[in-house]
N, C-alpha and C. Protein backbone atom coordinates (compact mmCIF):
# COMPACT_ATOMS: atom_id res chain seq x y z
N MET A 1 -42.77 -52.67 66.23
CA MET A 1 -43.27 -51.95 65.30
C MET A 1 -42.43 -51.08 64.66
N LEU A 2 -41.74 -51.25 63.57
CA LEU A 2 -41.51 -50.12 62.93
C LEU A 2 -42.11 -48.85 62.08
N LYS A 3 -41.70 -47.65 62.13
CA LYS A 3 -42.14 -47.04 61.91
C LYS A 3 -41.26 -45.44 60.85
N ILE A 4 -41.71 -45.49 60.36
CA ILE A 4 -40.98 -44.14 59.33
C ILE A 4 -42.00 -42.97 59.31
N ARG A 5 -40.63 -41.83 60.44
CA ARG A 5 -41.32 -40.55 61.18
C ARG A 5 -39.72 -39.81 61.05
N LEU A 6 -40.90 -38.52 60.92
CA LEU A 6 -39.50 -37.33 61.19
C LEU A 6 -38.84 -37.08 62.68
N THR A 7 -37.85 -36.55 62.24
CA THR A 7 -37.20 -36.32 63.48
C THR A 7 -36.28 -34.98 63.19
N ARG A 8 -37.03 -33.78 64.28
CA ARG A 8 -36.26 -33.02 64.24
C ARG A 8 -34.71 -32.70 64.49
N MET A 9 -34.30 -31.89 64.05
CA MET A 9 -33.36 -31.74 64.04
C MET A 9 -32.60 -30.34 64.09
N GLY A 10 -31.99 -29.63 63.58
CA GLY A 10 -31.84 -27.86 63.95
C GLY A 10 -31.51 -27.26 64.77
N ALA A 11 -31.27 -25.98 64.32
CA ALA A 11 -31.44 -25.11 65.93
C ALA A 11 -32.74 -24.34 65.83
N LYS A 12 -32.61 -23.11 67.61
CA LYS A 12 -34.48 -22.82 67.74
C LYS A 12 -34.54 -22.56 66.72
N LYS A 13 -35.84 -22.63 66.21
CA LYS A 13 -36.46 -21.48 65.72
C LYS A 13 -36.38 -21.62 64.39
N ASN A 14 -35.46 -23.13 63.96
CA ASN A 14 -34.69 -22.86 62.98
C ASN A 14 -34.86 -24.51 62.50
N PRO A 15 -35.91 -25.19 62.27
CA PRO A 15 -35.76 -26.74 62.44
C PRO A 15 -35.71 -27.13 60.41
N PHE A 16 -35.48 -28.52 60.09
CA PHE A 16 -35.38 -29.38 59.66
C PHE A 16 -35.76 -31.07 59.92
N TYR A 17 -35.98 -31.70 59.19
CA TYR A 17 -36.89 -32.66 60.20
C TYR A 17 -35.78 -33.66 59.30
N ARG A 18 -35.39 -34.89 59.33
CA ARG A 18 -34.85 -36.23 59.08
C ARG A 18 -36.00 -37.15 58.96
N ILE A 19 -36.07 -37.88 58.02
CA ILE A 19 -37.69 -39.29 57.80
C ILE A 19 -36.38 -40.19 57.99
N VAL A 20 -36.99 -40.97 59.67
CA VAL A 20 -36.15 -42.47 59.90
C VAL A 20 -36.76 -42.92 59.93
N VAL A 21 -36.70 -44.57 59.80
CA VAL A 21 -37.22 -45.97 60.82
C VAL A 21 -36.61 -45.62 61.92
N ILE A 22 -37.28 -46.05 62.46
CA ILE A 22 -37.58 -45.67 63.99
C ILE A 22 -38.44 -46.71 64.72
N ASP A 23 -37.69 -48.22 65.56
CA ASP A 23 -39.11 -48.68 66.73
C ASP A 23 -39.57 -47.40 67.13
N SER A 24 -41.26 -48.02 67.16
CA SER A 24 -42.06 -46.79 67.87
C SER A 24 -42.22 -46.66 68.97
N ARG A 25 -41.40 -47.30 69.84
CA ARG A 25 -41.73 -47.51 71.14
C ARG A 25 -40.22 -46.12 72.17
N LEU A 26 -39.25 -45.87 71.20
CA LEU A 26 -38.56 -45.03 70.94
C LEU A 26 -38.81 -43.45 70.83
N SER A 27 -38.14 -42.46 71.64
CA SER A 27 -38.70 -41.65 71.33
C SER A 27 -38.19 -40.85 70.32
N ARG A 28 -38.86 -39.66 70.19
CA ARG A 28 -38.21 -38.90 68.96
C ARG A 28 -36.97 -38.83 68.72
N SER A 29 -35.75 -38.52 69.62
CA SER A 29 -34.61 -38.20 69.35
C SER A 29 -33.81 -39.61 69.41
N GLY A 30 -34.56 -40.67 69.45
CA GLY A 30 -33.55 -42.31 69.61
C GLY A 30 -32.97 -42.60 68.64
N VAL A 31 -31.98 -43.00 69.07
CA VAL A 31 -30.80 -43.75 67.56
C VAL A 31 -31.82 -44.43 66.57
N PRO A 32 -32.21 -43.68 65.31
CA PRO A 32 -33.22 -44.22 64.04
C PRO A 32 -32.04 -45.62 63.61
N THR A 33 -32.86 -46.38 63.36
CA THR A 33 -32.66 -47.91 61.95
C THR A 33 -32.05 -47.70 61.27
N ASP A 34 -32.55 -46.31 60.27
CA ASP A 34 -31.99 -46.24 59.57
C ASP A 34 -32.65 -45.03 59.12
N THR A 35 -31.33 -44.18 58.02
CA THR A 35 -32.59 -42.49 57.38
C THR A 35 -32.47 -43.03 56.18
N ILE A 36 -34.03 -42.58 55.57
CA ILE A 36 -34.11 -42.27 54.66
C ILE A 36 -34.36 -41.34 53.50
N GLY A 37 -34.17 -39.39 54.17
CA GLY A 37 -34.34 -38.88 53.84
C GLY A 37 -34.24 -37.71 55.03
N TYR A 38 -34.57 -36.46 53.68
CA TYR A 38 -34.93 -34.98 54.76
C TYR A 38 -36.29 -34.01 54.47
N TYR A 39 -36.16 -33.19 55.26
CA TYR A 39 -37.58 -32.67 54.80
C TYR A 39 -37.34 -30.96 55.39
N ASP A 40 -36.72 -30.15 54.52
CA ASP A 40 -36.91 -28.93 55.66
C ASP A 40 -37.61 -28.02 54.57
N PRO A 41 -38.71 -27.58 55.83
CA PRO A 41 -39.97 -26.60 55.18
C PRO A 41 -39.78 -25.39 56.15
N SER A 42 -38.60 -24.81 56.48
CA SER A 42 -38.11 -23.57 56.87
C SER A 42 -37.37 -23.26 55.30
N LYS A 43 -37.05 -23.09 54.04
CA LYS A 43 -36.97 -22.71 52.85
C LYS A 43 -38.15 -22.07 52.26
N SER A 44 -38.21 -21.65 51.34
CA SER A 44 -39.08 -20.66 50.59
C SER A 44 -40.60 -21.66 49.48
N ASP A 45 -39.32 -22.77 48.35
CA ASP A 45 -40.20 -24.16 48.17
C ASP A 45 -39.04 -24.86 49.21
N THR A 46 -40.29 -25.81 49.75
CA THR A 46 -39.98 -26.60 50.61
C THR A 46 -39.40 -27.82 50.02
N VAL A 47 -37.80 -27.53 50.63
CA VAL A 47 -36.99 -28.99 50.21
C VAL A 47 -37.65 -30.61 50.44
N VAL A 48 -38.18 -31.10 49.50
CA VAL A 48 -37.66 -32.45 50.70
C VAL A 48 -36.93 -33.68 49.55
N LYS A 49 -36.21 -34.62 49.88
CA LYS A 49 -35.28 -35.58 49.61
C LYS A 49 -35.26 -36.90 50.50
N VAL A 50 -36.38 -37.68 49.45
CA VAL A 50 -36.40 -39.09 50.12
C VAL A 50 -35.58 -40.55 49.19
N ASP A 51 -34.99 -41.25 49.89
CA ASP A 51 -34.74 -42.34 48.49
C ASP A 51 -35.65 -43.33 48.67
N GLU A 52 -36.20 -43.20 47.48
CA GLU A 52 -37.19 -44.15 47.61
C GLU A 52 -37.59 -45.64 47.02
N GLU A 53 -35.62 -45.86 47.14
CA GLU A 53 -35.50 -47.69 47.33
C GLU A 53 -35.35 -47.76 48.41
N LYS A 54 -34.87 -47.16 48.85
CA LYS A 54 -35.31 -47.57 50.86
C LYS A 54 -36.50 -47.22 51.28
N ALA A 55 -36.96 -46.49 51.03
CA ALA A 55 -38.18 -46.23 51.23
C ALA A 55 -39.35 -47.92 51.14
N LEU A 56 -39.43 -48.36 49.70
CA LEU A 56 -40.33 -49.14 49.51
C LEU A 56 -39.42 -50.00 50.30
N ALA A 57 -38.26 -50.38 50.41
CA ALA A 57 -37.61 -51.20 50.94
C ALA A 57 -38.49 -51.74 52.57
N TRP A 58 -38.52 -50.57 52.57
CA TRP A 58 -39.06 -50.61 54.90
C TRP A 58 -40.62 -51.02 54.30
N MET A 59 -41.01 -50.08 53.91
CA MET A 59 -42.32 -50.45 53.67
C MET A 59 -42.88 -51.71 53.51
N GLY A 60 -42.12 -52.12 52.46
CA GLY A 60 -42.31 -54.07 51.45
C GLY A 60 -41.72 -54.75 53.58
N LYS A 61 -40.57 -54.27 54.11
CA LYS A 61 -40.59 -54.85 55.66
C LYS A 61 -41.40 -55.72 56.60
N GLY A 62 -42.63 -53.83 56.79
CA GLY A 62 -43.70 -53.83 57.43
C GLY A 62 -43.47 -52.29 58.30
N ALA A 63 -42.49 -51.48 57.62
CA ALA A 63 -42.43 -50.26 58.50
C ALA A 63 -43.77 -49.68 58.16
N GLN A 64 -44.47 -49.07 58.91
CA GLN A 64 -45.84 -47.77 58.91
C GLN A 64 -45.14 -46.75 58.92
N PRO A 65 -45.74 -45.60 58.04
CA PRO A 65 -45.55 -44.34 57.95
C PRO A 65 -46.64 -43.57 58.95
N THR A 66 -46.42 -42.77 59.50
CA THR A 66 -46.81 -41.90 60.19
C THR A 66 -47.49 -41.53 59.53
N ASP A 67 -48.78 -40.33 59.61
CA ASP A 67 -49.30 -39.58 58.39
C ASP A 67 -48.72 -38.27 58.11
N THR A 68 -47.85 -37.76 58.46
CA THR A 68 -47.59 -36.65 57.88
C THR A 68 -45.99 -36.92 56.68
N VAL A 69 -45.44 -38.57 57.44
CA VAL A 69 -45.16 -38.93 56.27
C VAL A 69 -45.43 -39.49 55.20
N ARG A 70 -46.44 -39.93 55.41
CA ARG A 70 -47.36 -40.49 54.35
C ARG A 70 -47.85 -39.76 53.36
N SER A 71 -47.67 -38.35 53.74
CA SER A 71 -48.32 -37.44 53.05
C SER A 71 -47.16 -37.01 52.31
N ILE A 72 -45.85 -36.91 52.59
CA ILE A 72 -44.89 -36.42 52.07
C ILE A 72 -44.66 -37.32 50.86
N LEU A 73 -44.58 -38.55 51.09
CA LEU A 73 -44.31 -39.78 50.05
C LEU A 73 -45.33 -39.57 49.12
N LYS A 74 -46.74 -39.42 49.43
CA LYS A 74 -47.76 -39.26 48.20
C LYS A 74 -47.66 -37.84 47.18
N LYS A 75 -47.03 -37.03 48.13
CA LYS A 75 -46.49 -35.88 46.87
C LYS A 75 -45.55 -36.12 46.36
N ASN A 76 -44.38 -37.41 47.14
CA ASN A 76 -43.56 -37.56 46.13
C ASN A 76 -43.91 -38.57 44.85
N GLY A 77 -44.94 -39.59 44.97
CA GLY A 77 -45.27 -40.46 44.01
C GLY A 77 -45.09 -41.69 44.35
N ILE A 78 -44.47 -41.91 46.19
CA ILE A 78 -44.03 -43.03 45.85
C ILE A 78 -44.92 -44.37 46.85
N MET A 79 -45.91 -43.80 47.64
CA MET A 79 -47.25 -44.72 47.85
C MET A 79 -47.73 -45.20 46.49
N GLY A 80 -47.84 -44.51 45.59
CA GLY A 80 -48.73 -44.95 44.49
C GLY A 80 -47.37 -45.80 44.02
N LYS A 81 -46.14 -46.11 44.15
CA LYS A 81 -45.30 -47.22 43.20
C LYS A 81 -45.78 -48.10 44.13
N PHE A 82 -45.66 -47.91 45.51
CA PHE A 82 -45.54 -48.74 46.50
C PHE A 82 -46.91 -49.71 46.45
N ALA A 83 -47.91 -49.39 46.57
CA ALA A 83 -49.83 -49.56 46.51
C ALA A 83 -49.86 -50.46 44.95
N GLU A 84 -48.79 -50.27 43.91
CA GLU A 84 -48.73 -50.97 42.59
C GLU A 84 -47.48 -51.99 43.15
N SER A 85 -47.03 -52.34 43.52
CA SER A 85 -46.41 -53.49 43.54
C SER A 85 -46.54 -54.46 45.07
N ARG A 86 -47.97 -54.06 46.20
CA ARG A 86 -48.27 -54.75 46.18
C ARG A 86 -49.59 -55.77 45.44
N LYS A 87 -49.24 -54.97 44.51
CA LYS A 87 -50.57 -55.82 43.66
C LYS A 87 -50.25 -57.08 43.02
C-alpha cells in the first residue's frame, strides 16, 4: 500500500521534512515514488508547501496519508477538496 508521509531531511537539530508518496513497507529514508511538498517547522512561521494536484491525484489512486500529513493537508484545505471530489 502507498502512504503519504514525512521523510526527515536537514542537519542535526535543524530538521525539515519532505511530504512523499512511498510504499508503506519501506523505511523512512527509502526511495519515494513521488515528492509532493515540504514542511519546515523550524521557521518562526511554519512553512508548508504542498502540490495540491499531485496530492489529490495520489489520494484518488488509493494512497493513504499518515495522521500528521492528514492534519497538514486538512489545514491547507486539501482534505476537504478530496472529500468533495469523492461525492
